[in-house]
Amino acid sequence: MKLTVVGGGSTYTPELVDGIANRRTSLAVDEIVLVDPDQRRLAVVGAFCRRLLAHAGHPARVRTTADLAEGAEGASAVLLQLRVGGQRARLSDETFPLLCDCVGQETTGAGGLAKALRTVPVVLDIAERVRAVAGADTWIVNFTNPVGIVTRALLEAGHRAVGLCNVAITFQRWASALLGVTPEAVELEHVGLNHLSWERGVLVDGVDRLPELLDGHGDALAEHIGLPANLMRRLGAVPSYYLKYFYEHDEVVAAQRTGRPRAEVVAEVERELLAVYRDEAVVTKPEQLSRRGGAYYSEAAVQLVHALTGGAGAQRHVVNVRNGGTLPFLPDDAVVEVPAAVDASGATPLPARPVGPSISGLVSHVTAYEFLALEAAVRGGRDRVFDALLAHPLVGQRATAERLADELVARNRHLLPWARG
């Protein structure tokens, strides 16, 4: 099997290769091709990935290329992990919304919209070129944020695509450790959108142990999530840590005004990682990689690819997939993040019990924004940017949306083809 990673020069990539190297599934990968326009960075990451595989005794070979057609030809699956504009653009996304007392974040709010506008056209172009050389049946696994919007763009364009995030698998690992069971024994009742999700059940042998987690481990959960335990008990669910941007918006903004932007922290970690990767004596995954983010990405991605390529039979995965009536209060073509049965035919959402208004209201609101965000990303135009911002619950006021739209376009003009003229 040939696996292609677009954005293969990312410091994330060794996390993925480590998962393959240590045979966490029986996924039979013969060749891993890393595609990236930054050839200097690609050479460093590629060489380190070869050492990881060799040290683990894994027979797969790693190739690197800046040529997407060469890298994708004959691929069984293509993983997308892009950051258009790099950490510099991320720093802008995390800071310009603060001008209007709005949260600065790279996947939601005004910053998330900026990232979607930069990213969607690039991803769609890549997907078309992949289809031309690898065929329409090749699976595209999208890890590129904002995952829900980007995945919907791919599906609307007719690609075989599934979106993947590490939020669910990370919570599964936390919960299993707190309950003293293996991760494989835990099934989550995960519901919502990408970066707007809740765990409404934690099943072990068919028994929901979420009440036990909330009652006995509320403080530990609160530390992980960044929200108080009494709120989780009130909701009867554990929100993802991205919900703090909604539930404690003003407190987060106040902290962001004095704190160091995450983009600066990640840029520093990336410099450290690349220095480690250059050291030929290093043949195992370094500790610094845990500070990069994306915990358990390798396990989630490898297991998902294994299921999509028919090597594992039907498996249960939390993925980003068309709603198709799963959440009846949303349009069928919305992209939701829910458990699905995954096999070589794709991902089919599993039935979900009814969702109460405390969740469905916010999910519906953000879904409306995501539809408008995709419209702006595909068709362009400052007015469409304004429309999306006005619809977002973290913006929502006319004057604020006007100012943020102008600021967003000005800061990203060089990366938005429709805005360059």
Protein backbone atom coordinates (compact mmCIF):
# COMPACT_ATOMS: atom_id res chain seq x y z
CA MET A 1 0.00 0.00 0.00
CA LYS A 2 1.16 3.48 -0.85
CA LEU A 3 0.21 6.23 1.60
CA THR A 4 0.69 9.87 0.56
CA VAL A 5 0.92 12.71 3.07
CA VAL A 6 0.35 16.18 1.63
CA GLY A 7 1.98 18.64 3.97
CA GLY A 8 4.53 15.94 4.71
CA GLY A 9 7.12 18.48 5.86
CA SER A 10 5.01 19.17 8.95
CA THR A 11 6.56 18.41 12.31
CA TYR A 12 3.39 16.34 12.88
CA THR A 13 4.49 13.79 10.28
CA PRO A 14 6.84 11.73 12.48
CA GLU A 15 3.88 11.16 14.84
CA LEU A 16 2.06 9.46 11.98
CA VAL A 17 5.09 7.49 10.84
CA ASP A 18 5.79 6.39 14.42
CA GLY A 19 2.29 4.89 14.54
CA ILE A 20 3.05 2.91 11.39
CA ALA A 21 6.56 2.00 12.53
CA ASN A 22 5.34 0.52 15.77
CA ARG A 23 2.64 -1.52 14.02
CA ARG A 24 -0.26 -0.24 16.11
CA THR A 25 -2.48 -1.87 13.50
CA SER A 26 -1.76 -4.45 10.82
CA LEU A 27 -1.97 -1.75 8.13
CA ALA A 28 0.36 -3.03 5.43
CA VAL A 29 2.12 0.12 4.24
CA ASP A 30 4.89 -0.48 1.73
CA GLU A 31 5.60 3.13 0.79
CA ILE A 32 5.03 6.50 2.43
CA VAL A 33 5.40 9.55 0.20
CA LEU A 34 5.76 12.94 1.85
CA VAL A 35 4.73 15.84 -0.39
CA ASP A 36 5.62 19.42 0.50
CA PRO A 37 6.79 22.52 -1.38
CA ASP A 38 9.35 23.30 1.34
CA GLN A 39 12.10 20.96 0.22
CA ARG A 40 14.61 21.90 2.92
CA ARG A 41 12.15 21.12 5.68
CA LEU A 42 10.91 18.05 3.82
CA ALA A 43 14.44 16.65 3.63
CA VAL A 44 14.86 16.94 7.41
CA VAL A 45 11.49 15.36 8.25
CA GLY A 46 11.86 12.65 5.60
CA ALA A 47 15.29 11.58 6.84
CA PHE A 48 14.04 11.36 10.42
CA CYS A 49 11.02 9.30 9.35
CA ARG A 50 13.33 6.84 7.60
CA ARG A 51 15.31 6.45 10.83
CA LEU A 52 12.10 5.86 12.81
CA LEU A 53 11.07 3.06 10.46
CA ALA A 54 14.54 1.51 10.31
CA HIS A 55 14.91 1.53 14.09
CA ALA A 56 11.53 -0.18 14.47
CA GLY A 57 12.41 -2.75 11.82
CA HIS A 58 9.53 -1.70 9.59
CA PRO A 59 10.07 -2.42 5.87
CA ALA A 60 8.19 0.58 4.45
CA ARG A 61 10.24 3.09 2.51
CA VAL A 62 9.85 6.85 2.68
CA ARG A 63 10.09 9.07 -0.38
CA THR A 64 9.90 12.85 -0.47
CA THR A 65 8.85 15.09 -3.32
CA ALA A 66 7.58 18.57 -4.08
CA ASP A 67 5.61 17.17 -7.03
CA LEU A 68 2.05 16.34 -6.00
CA ALA A 69 1.32 14.29 -9.13
CA GLU A 70 4.39 12.13 -8.56
CA GLY A 71 3.59 11.73 -4.88
CA ALA A 72 -0.08 10.85 -5.29
CA GLU A 73 0.07 8.54 -8.29
CA GLY A 74 -1.04 5.05 -7.28
CA ALA A 75 -1.82 6.06 -3.68
CA SER A 76 -4.39 4.02 -1.75
CA ALA A 77 -5.07 6.98 0.53
CA VAL A 78 -3.97 10.60 0.70
CA LEU A 79 -3.73 12.43 4.03
CA LEU A 80 -4.06 16.23 4.04
CA GLN A 81 -2.37 18.17 6.84
CA LEU A 82 -1.82 21.68 5.49
CA ARG A 83 -1.25 25.09 7.00
CA VAL A 84 -1.62 27.71 4.27
CA GLY A 85 0.39 30.74 5.33
CA GLY A 86 2.28 28.89 8.06
CA GLN A 87 2.59 29.97 11.68
CA ARG A 88 2.74 33.64 10.64
CA ALA A 89 -0.84 33.43 9.35
CA ARG A 90 -1.85 31.52 12.47
CA LEU A 91 -0.45 34.31 14.64
CA SER A 92 -2.61 36.78 12.74
CA ASP A 93 -5.68 34.56 13.20
CA GLU A 94 -5.06 34.43 16.94
CA THR A 95 -4.57 38.16 17.40
CA PHE A 96 -6.62 40.32 15.00
CA PRO A 97 -10.04 39.36 16.50
CA LEU A 98 -8.88 40.81 19.82
CA LEU A 99 -9.14 44.26 18.21
CA CYS A 100 -12.92 43.81 18.57
CA ASP A 101 -12.89 41.96 21.92
CA CYS A 102 -13.52 38.67 20.11
CA VAL A 103 -11.69 35.44 20.82
CA GLY A 104 -8.57 34.85 18.75
CA GLN A 105 -8.42 31.21 17.67
CA GLU A 106 -7.26 29.47 14.51
CA THR A 107 -10.26 27.19 13.98
CA THR A 108 -13.29 29.13 15.19
CA GLY A 109 -14.53 32.70 15.20
CA ALA A 110 -12.97 35.27 12.90
CA GLY A 111 -9.57 33.57 12.99
CA GLY A 112 -11.11 30.26 11.99
CA LEU A 113 -12.87 31.94 9.09
CA ALA A 114 -9.59 33.45 7.90
CA LYS A 115 -8.01 30.00 7.94
CA ALA A 116 -10.95 28.51 6.03
CA LEU A 117 -10.76 31.21 3.36
CA ARG A 118 -7.05 30.56 2.80
CA THR A 119 -7.32 26.80 2.98
CA VAL A 120 -10.40 25.65 1.07
CA PRO A 121 -9.27 26.78 -2.42
CA VAL A 122 -5.86 25.18 -1.94
CA VAL A 123 -7.33 21.90 -0.69
CA LEU A 124 -9.82 21.73 -3.56
CA ASP A 125 -7.04 22.28 -6.08
CA ILE A 126 -4.94 19.55 -4.45
CA ALA A 127 -7.90 17.14 -4.41
CA GLU A 128 -8.57 17.67 -8.13
CA ARG A 129 -4.95 16.97 -8.96
CA VAL A 130 -4.95 13.88 -6.73
CA ARG A 131 -8.06 12.58 -8.49
CA ALA A 132 -6.41 13.11 -11.87
CA VAL A 133 -3.42 10.88 -11.06
CA ALA A 134 -4.70 8.51 -8.36
CA GLY A 135 -8.29 8.06 -9.54
CA ALA A 136 -11.69 8.98 -8.17
CA ASP A 137 -11.73 6.00 -5.79
CA THR A 138 -8.73 7.17 -3.76
CA TRP A 139 -9.64 8.09 -0.21
CA ILE A 140 -8.76 11.55 1.07
CA VAL A 141 -8.41 11.75 4.85
CA ASN A 142 -8.56 15.38 5.89
CA PHE A 143 -6.79 16.48 9.07
CA THR A 144 -6.56 20.10 7.89
CA ASN A 145 -8.40 22.67 10.01
CA PRO A 146 -11.09 23.83 10.13
CA VAL A 147 -11.83 20.14 9.52
CA GLY A 148 -15.61 20.38 9.21
CA ILE A 149 -15.61 23.18 6.64
CA VAL A 150 -12.72 21.72 4.62
CA THR A 151 -14.29 18.24 4.62
CA ARG A 152 -17.63 19.61 3.45
CA ALA A 153 -15.84 21.45 0.63
CA LEU A 154 -14.27 18.15 -0.48
CA LEU A 155 -17.57 16.26 -0.32
CA GLU A 156 -19.46 18.98 -2.18
CA ALA A 157 -16.83 18.72 -4.94
CA GLY A 158 -17.47 14.96 -5.24
CA HIS A 159 -14.33 13.60 -3.58
CA ARG A 160 -14.17 10.44 -1.44
CA ALA A 161 -13.27 12.23 1.76
CA VAL A 162 -13.52 11.73 5.50
CA GLY A 163 -12.54 14.32 8.09
CA LEU A 164 -10.50 13.38 11.13
CA CYS A 165 -9.82 15.16 14.43
CA ASN A 166 -7.99 13.93 17.51
CA VAL A 167 -10.44 15.36 20.09
CA ALA A 168 -12.47 12.15 20.46
CA ILE A 169 -9.54 9.74 20.63
CA THR A 170 -7.80 12.01 23.14
CA PHE A 171 -10.86 12.00 25.39
CA GLN A 172 -11.17 8.23 24.98
CA ARG A 173 -7.58 7.90 26.30
CA TRP A 174 -8.25 10.24 29.24
CA ALA A 175 -11.46 8.45 30.17
CA SER A 176 -9.99 4.96 29.94
CA ALA A 177 -7.13 5.96 32.24
CA LEU A 178 -9.51 7.44 34.80
CA LEU A 179 -11.75 4.36 34.67
CA GLY A 180 -8.87 1.88 34.74
CA VAL A 181 -9.82 0.13 31.50
CA THR A 182 -8.15 -0.25 28.11
CA PRO A 183 -8.90 2.45 25.52
CA GLU A 184 -10.38 -0.18 23.22
CA ALA A 185 -13.02 -0.96 25.86
CA VAL A 186 -14.39 2.62 25.74
CA GLU A 187 -17.03 3.72 23.23
CA LEU A 188 -17.94 7.40 23.19
CA GLU A 189 -21.34 8.90 22.48
CA HIS A 190 -19.73 11.84 20.72
CA VAL A 191 -22.00 14.42 19.08
CA GLY A 192 -21.67 17.80 17.39
CA LEU A 193 -19.42 19.45 14.86
CA ASN A 194 -15.66 19.57 14.56
CA HIS A 195 -14.36 21.59 17.52
CA LEU A 196 -17.92 21.96 18.78
CA SER A 197 -18.61 18.55 20.32
CA TRP A 198 -19.80 16.90 23.50
CA GLU A 199 -19.38 13.44 25.05
CA ARG A 200 -22.87 12.38 26.16
CA GLY A 201 -21.92 8.85 27.09
CA VAL A 202 -18.83 6.80 27.93
CA LEU A 203 -19.75 3.15 27.45
CA VAL A 204 -17.71 0.26 28.85
CA ASP A 205 -19.20 -3.18 28.16
CA GLY A 206 -22.46 -1.46 27.31
CA VAL A 207 -22.67 0.42 30.62
CA ASP A 208 -22.57 4.22 30.56
CA ARG A 209 -19.91 5.29 33.04
CA LEU A 210 -20.12 9.01 32.30
CA PRO A 211 -22.00 9.69 35.59
CA GLU A 212 -19.14 7.98 37.44
CA LEU A 213 -16.61 10.15 35.61
CA LEU A 214 -18.51 13.34 36.37
CA ASP A 215 -19.07 12.49 40.04
CA GLY A 216 -15.71 10.93 40.87
CA HIS A 217 -13.30 12.64 38.49
CA GLY A 218 -14.91 16.02 37.85
CA ASP A 219 -11.84 18.00 38.91
CA ALA A 220 -9.54 15.98 36.67
CA LEU A 221 -11.89 16.46 33.73
CA ALA A 222 -12.14 20.18 34.47
CA GLU A 223 -8.37 20.48 34.35
CA HIS A 224 -8.23 18.77 30.95
CA ILE A 225 -11.19 20.60 29.43
CA GLY A 226 -10.70 24.04 30.91
CA LEU A 227 -14.31 24.29 32.10
CA PRO A 228 -15.71 23.80 35.63
CA ALA A 229 -16.95 20.41 36.73
CA ASN A 230 -20.30 21.80 37.91
CA LEU A 231 -21.03 22.98 34.35
CA MET A 232 -20.37 19.49 33.01
CA ARG A 233 -22.66 17.98 35.62
CA ARG A 234 -25.33 20.53 34.74
CA LEU A 235 -25.02 19.64 31.04
CA GLY A 236 -24.79 15.91 31.75
CA ALA A 237 -22.00 15.86 29.18
CA VAL A 238 -18.33 16.67 28.79
CA PRO A 239 -17.76 19.45 26.24
CA SER A 240 -14.62 19.45 24.15
CA TYR A 241 -11.99 21.93 25.27
CA TYR A 242 -12.95 24.16 22.32
CA LEU A 243 -16.27 24.93 24.04
CA LYS A 244 -14.46 27.22 26.47
CA TYR A 245 -14.35 29.74 23.61
CA PHE A 246 -18.16 29.79 23.67
CA TYR A 247 -19.01 29.17 27.34
CA GLU A 248 -16.28 31.45 28.78
CA HIS A 249 -15.63 33.76 25.85
CA ASP A 250 -14.91 36.95 27.80
CA GLU A 251 -12.61 35.22 30.28
CA VAL A 252 -10.65 33.68 27.40
CA VAL A 253 -10.33 37.04 25.63
CA ALA A 254 -9.03 38.66 28.84
CA ALA A 255 -6.42 35.89 29.19
CA GLN A 256 -5.42 36.19 25.54
CA ARG A 257 -4.72 39.89 25.92
CA THR A 258 -1.92 39.19 28.40
CA GLY A 259 -0.89 35.67 27.43
CA ARG A 260 1.48 34.42 24.76
CA PRO A 261 -0.24 33.41 21.50
CA ARG A 262 -0.28 29.67 20.86
CA ALA A 263 1.23 30.33 17.42
CA GLU A 264 4.43 31.66 19.03
CA VAL A 265 4.63 28.63 21.32
CA VAL A 266 4.14 26.20 18.42
CA ALA A 267 6.69 28.02 16.26
CA GLU A 268 9.24 27.65 19.05
CA VAL A 269 8.43 23.96 19.50
CA GLU A 270 8.75 23.44 15.75
CA ARG A 271 12.23 24.97 15.74
CA GLU A 272 13.23 22.63 18.57
CA LEU A 273 11.74 19.62 16.79
CA LEU A 274 13.48 20.34 13.50
CA ALA A 275 16.79 20.62 15.36
CA VAL A 276 16.13 17.24 16.98
CA TYR A 277 15.10 15.70 13.65
CA ARG A 278 18.41 16.83 12.13
CA ASP A 279 20.36 14.86 14.75
CA GLU A 280 21.15 11.54 13.06
CA ALA A 281 21.60 9.88 16.45
CA VAL A 282 17.88 10.35 17.21
CA VAL A 283 15.91 7.31 16.04
CA THR A 284 12.77 7.45 18.21
CA LYS A 285 9.94 9.95 18.63
CA PRO A 286 11.20 12.86 20.78
CA GLU A 287 9.42 14.08 23.91
CA GLN A 288 9.03 17.56 22.41
CA LEU A 289 6.51 16.19 19.92
CA SER A 290 3.94 15.86 22.71
CA ARG A 291 4.00 19.67 23.06
CA ARG A 292 3.27 20.18 19.35
CA GLY A 293 -0.39 19.16 19.69
CA GLY A 294 -2.27 16.47 17.83
CA ALA A 295 -2.07 13.83 20.54
CA TYR A 296 -2.93 10.32 19.29
CA TYR A 297 -3.17 11.63 15.73
CA SER A 298 -1.08 8.72 14.50
CA GLU A 299 -3.33 6.08 16.03
CA ALA A 300 -6.53 7.70 14.80
CA ALA A 301 -5.20 8.24 11.27
CA VAL A 302 -3.65 4.80 10.84
CA GLN A 303 -6.74 3.01 12.15
CA LEU A 304 -9.02 5.07 9.90
CA VAL A 305 -6.93 4.45 6.79
CA HIS A 306 -6.86 0.75 7.62
CA ALA A 307 -10.67 0.65 7.73
CA LEU A 308 -11.16 2.76 4.58
CA THR A 309 -8.79 0.60 2.55
CA GLY A 310 -10.62 -2.59 3.49
CA GLY A 311 -7.96 -4.11 5.68
CA ALA A 312 -9.87 -4.26 8.93
CA GLY A 313 -13.54 -4.87 8.15
CA ALA A 314 -16.13 -2.49 9.58
CA GLN A 315 -14.82 -0.41 12.47
CA ARG A 316 -16.30 2.28 14.68
CA HIS A 317 -14.59 5.67 14.38
CA VAL A 318 -15.53 9.23 15.31
CA VAL A 319 -15.18 11.14 12.05
CA ASN A 320 -16.44 14.14 10.13
CA VAL A 321 -19.03 12.93 7.65
CA ARG A 322 -22.25 14.02 5.93
CA ASN A 323 -25.12 14.31 8.37
CA GLY A 324 -27.65 12.41 6.23
CA GLY A 325 -30.40 12.71 8.85
CA THR A 326 -28.26 11.63 11.81
CA LEU A 327 -28.99 14.93 13.54
CA PRO A 328 -32.48 15.72 12.21
CA PHE A 329 -32.33 19.40 13.13
CA LEU A 330 -29.48 19.92 10.59
CA PRO A 331 -29.52 19.79 6.78
CA ASP A 332 -28.58 16.42 5.32
CA ASP A 333 -25.51 17.90 3.60
CA ALA A 334 -24.07 19.41 6.78
CA VAL A 335 -20.88 17.77 8.00
CA VAL A 336 -21.12 16.47 11.55
CA GLU A 337 -18.62 14.83 13.89
CA VAL A 338 -20.15 11.61 15.18
CA PRO A 339 -19.40 7.89 15.54
CA ALA A 340 -19.61 6.07 12.22
CA ALA A 341 -19.23 2.57 10.86
CA VAL A 342 -16.21 2.73 8.55
CA ASP A 343 -15.19 0.23 5.91
CA ALA A 344 -13.99 0.24 2.31
CA SER A 345 -17.30 1.74 1.17
CA GLY A 346 -16.87 4.76 3.41
CA ALA A 347 -18.17 6.15 6.69
CA THR A 348 -21.84 5.72 7.64
CA PRO A 349 -22.98 7.67 10.71
CA LEU A 350 -24.42 5.52 13.47
CA PRO A 351 -27.87 6.37 14.87
CA ALA A 352 -27.84 9.06 17.56
CA ARG A 353 -30.37 9.61 20.31
CA PRO A 354 -32.19 12.97 20.30
CA VAL A 355 -30.12 16.04 21.13
CA GLY A 356 -31.48 18.59 23.59
CA PRO A 357 -31.73 22.32 22.86
CA SER A 358 -28.70 23.28 24.95
CA ILE A 359 -26.59 21.48 22.34
CA SER A 360 -28.75 21.54 19.21
CA GLY A 361 -29.21 25.32 19.35
CA LEU A 362 -25.49 26.06 19.32
CA VAL A 363 -24.77 23.34 16.76
CA SER A 364 -27.44 24.75 14.44
CA HIS A 365 -26.06 28.27 14.84
CA VAL A 366 -22.49 27.25 14.01
CA THR A 367 -23.65 25.06 11.11
CA ALA A 368 -25.32 28.11 9.54
CA TYR A 369 -22.02 29.98 9.89
CA GLU A 370 -20.11 27.07 8.32
CA PHE A 371 -22.38 27.08 5.26
CA LEU A 372 -21.72 30.80 4.79
CA ALA A 373 -18.00 30.35 5.46
CA LEU A 374 -17.75 27.75 2.72
CA GLU A 375 -19.67 30.03 0.35
CA ALA A 376 -17.14 32.79 1.07
CA ALA A 377 -14.18 30.44 0.67
CA VAL A 378 -15.36 29.10 -2.70
CA ARG A 379 -16.83 32.25 -4.25
CA GLY A 380 -14.86 34.99 -2.50
CA GLY A 381 -15.92 38.54 -1.81
CA ARG A 382 -15.67 40.81 1.17
CA ASP A 383 -19.49 40.88 1.59
CA ARG A 384 -19.60 37.08 1.90
CA VAL A 385 -16.89 37.33 4.57
CA PHE A 386 -19.10 39.81 6.43
CA ASP A 387 -22.14 37.52 6.08
CA ALA A 388 -20.26 34.60 7.64
CA LEU A 389 -18.95 36.70 10.51
CA LEU A 390 -22.37 38.16 11.23
CA ALA A 391 -23.75 34.61 11.50
CA HIS A 392 -21.07 33.40 13.91
CA PRO A 393 -22.14 33.28 17.58
CA LEU A 394 -18.71 34.55 18.65
CA VAL A 395 -19.10 37.70 16.52
CA GLY A 396 -22.76 38.36 15.71
CA GLN A 397 -22.87 42.19 15.80
CA ARG A 398 -22.98 44.31 12.65
CA ALA A 399 -20.29 46.82 13.52
CA THR A 400 -17.98 44.10 14.82
CA ALA A 401 -18.51 41.97 11.72
CA GLU A 402 -17.80 44.97 9.47
CA ARG A 403 -14.51 45.78 11.17
CA LEU A 404 -13.38 42.16 11.38
CA ALA A 405 -14.22 41.55 7.72
CA ASP A 406 -12.05 44.49 6.66
CA GLU A 407 -9.22 43.43 8.96
CA LEU A 408 -9.38 39.81 7.82
CA VAL A 409 -9.25 40.71 4.14
CA ALA A 410 -6.43 43.21 4.64
CA ARG A 411 -4.26 40.75 6.57
CA ASN A 412 -4.85 37.85 4.19
CA ARG A 413 -5.01 39.70 0.86
CA HIS A 414 -1.81 38.08 -0.46
CA LEU A 415 -3.25 34.60 0.22
CA LEU A 416 -6.76 35.18 -1.17
CA PRO A 417 -6.77 35.24 -4.99
CA TRP A 418 -10.05 37.18 -5.19
CA ALA A 419 -8.72 39.89 -2.85
CA ARG A 420 -5.43 40.67 -4.62
CA GLY A 421 -6.81 43.00 -7.27
